[in-house]
């Protein structure tokens, strides 16, 4: 499930009144941590790819 799908689930939960449920705030907090972690990992991956591409044939294979 991606961010958009999860956000849609949250919208539906709010629409049907589940935003008052005792675990709803925890669900939101967990979503924020999940989203931030994924975005951080994506940024790190992009940085590593740029470094790998910039060194060309000098880089050892990571296989």
C-alpha atoms as a PDB file:
ATOM      1  CA  UNK A   1       0.000   0.000   0.000  1.00  0.00           C
ATOM      2  CA  UNK A   2       1.379   3.378  -0.960  1.00  0.00           C
ATOM      3  CA  UNK A   3       1.012   6.755   0.692  1.00  0.00           C
ATOM      4  CA  UNK A   4      -1.990   7.780  -1.404  1.00  0.00           C
ATOM      5  CA  UNK A   5      -3.913   4.616  -0.597  1.00  0.00           C
ATOM      6  CA  UNK A   6      -3.163   4.883   3.104  1.00  0.00           C
ATOM      7  CA  UNK A   7      -4.193   8.539   3.151  1.00  0.00           C
ATOM      8  CA  UNK A   8      -7.464   7.537   1.482  1.00  0.00           C
ATOM      9  CA  UNK A   9      -8.028   4.929   4.204  1.00  0.00           C
ATOM     10  CA  UNK A  10      -7.455   7.620   6.835  1.00  0.00           C
ATOM     11  CA  UNK A  11      -9.954   9.890   5.075  1.00  0.00           C
ATOM     12  CA  UNK A  12     -12.547   7.110   5.063  1.00  0.00           C
ATOM     13  CA  UNK A  13     -11.946   6.381   8.736  1.00  0.00           C
ATOM     14  CA  UNK A  14     -12.516  10.056   9.538  1.00  0.00           C
ATOM     15  CA  UNK A  15     -15.578  10.181   7.307  1.00  0.00           C
ATOM     16  CA  UNK A  16     -17.134   7.272   9.194  1.00  0.00           C
ATOM     17  CA  UNK A  17     -16.336   8.679  12.637  1.00  0.00           C
ATOM     18  CA  UNK A  18     -13.364   6.537  13.573  1.00  0.00           C
ATOM     19  CA  UNK A  19     -11.216   9.620  14.233  1.00  0.00           C
ATOM     20  CA  UNK A  20     -12.574   9.477  17.799  1.00  0.00           C
ATOM     21  CA  UNK A  21     -11.294   5.923  18.292  1.00  0.00           C
ATOM     22  CA  UNK A  22      -8.589   5.584  20.941  1.00  0.00           C
ATOM     23  CA  UNK A  23      -6.019   4.229  18.443  1.00  0.00           C
ATOM     24  CA  UNK A  24      -6.602   6.735  15.633  1.00  0.00           C
ATOM     25  CA  UNK A  25      -3.909   9.168  16.852  1.00  0.00           C
ATOM     26  CA  UNK A  26      -1.426   6.283  17.118  1.00  0.00           C
ATOM     27  CA  UNK A  27      -2.286   5.276  13.558  1.00  0.00           C
ATOM     28  CA  UNK A  28      -1.583   8.828  12.369  1.00  0.00           C
ATOM     29  CA  UNK A  29       1.707   8.927  14.292  1.00  0.00           C
ATOM     30  CA  UNK A  30       2.801   5.584  12.849  1.00  0.00           C
ATOM     31  CA  UNK A  31       1.900   6.763   9.348  1.00  0.00           C
ATOM     32  CA  UNK A  32       4.028   9.896   9.760  1.00  0.00           C
ATOM     33  CA  UNK A  33       7.013   7.839  10.958  1.00  0.00           C
ATOM     34  CA  UNK A  34       6.527   5.359   8.083  1.00  0.00           C
ATOM     35  CA  UNK A  35       6.299   8.130   5.483  1.00  0.00           C
ATOM     36  CA  UNK A  36       9.328   9.978   6.861  1.00  0.00           C
ATOM     37  CA  UNK A  37      11.384   6.771   6.992  1.00  0.00           C
ATOM     38  CA  UNK A  38      10.529   5.825   3.412  1.00  0.00           C
ATOM     39  CA  UNK A  39      11.327   9.333   2.164  1.00  0.00           C
ATOM     40  CA  UNK A  40      14.638   9.329   4.036  1.00  0.00           C
ATOM     41  CA  UNK A  41      15.582   5.953   2.562  1.00  0.00           C
ATOM     42  CA  UNK A  42      14.666   7.185  -0.920  1.00  0.00           C
ATOM     43  CA  UNK A  43      16.896  10.259  -0.490  1.00  0.00           C
ATOM     44  CA  UNK A  44      19.807   8.082   0.684  1.00  0.00           C
ATOM     45  CA  UNK A  45      19.329   5.713  -2.253  1.00  0.00           C
ATOM     46  CA  UNK A  46      19.382   8.611  -4.712  1.00  0.00           C
ATOM     47  CA  UNK A  47      22.564   9.970  -3.108  1.00  0.00           C
ATOM     48  CA  UNK A  48      24.247   6.562  -3.343  1.00  0.00           C
ATOM     49  CA  UNK A  49      23.220   6.167  -6.977  1.00  0.00           C
ATOM     50  CA  UNK A  50      24.638   9.586  -7.846  1.00  0.00           C
ATOM     51  CA  UNK A  51      27.953   8.723  -6.170  1.00  0.00           C
ATOM     52  CA  UNK A  52      28.066   5.350  -7.915  1.00  0.00           C
ATOM     53  CA  UNK A  53      27.315   6.903 -11.323  1.00  0.00           C
ATOM     54  CA  UNK A  54      29.867   9.684 -10.826  1.00  0.00           C
ATOM     55  CA  UNK A  55      32.775   7.306 -10.152  1.00  0.00           C
ATOM     56  CA  UNK A  56      32.071   5.182 -13.223  1.00  0.00           C
ATOM     57  CA  UNK A  57      34.300   2.151 -13.759  1.00  0.00           C
ATOM     58  CA  UNK A  58      36.374   2.937 -10.650  1.00  0.00           C
ATOM     59  CA  UNK A  59      33.564   1.662  -8.402  1.00  0.00           C
ATOM     60  CA  UNK A  60      33.577  -2.022  -7.476  1.00  0.00           C
ATOM     61  CA  UNK A  61      30.461  -4.048  -8.219  1.00  0.00           C
ATOM     62  CA  UNK A  62      28.080  -4.238  -5.285  1.00  0.00           C
ATOM     63  CA  UNK A  63      26.675  -7.607  -6.397  1.00  0.00           C
END
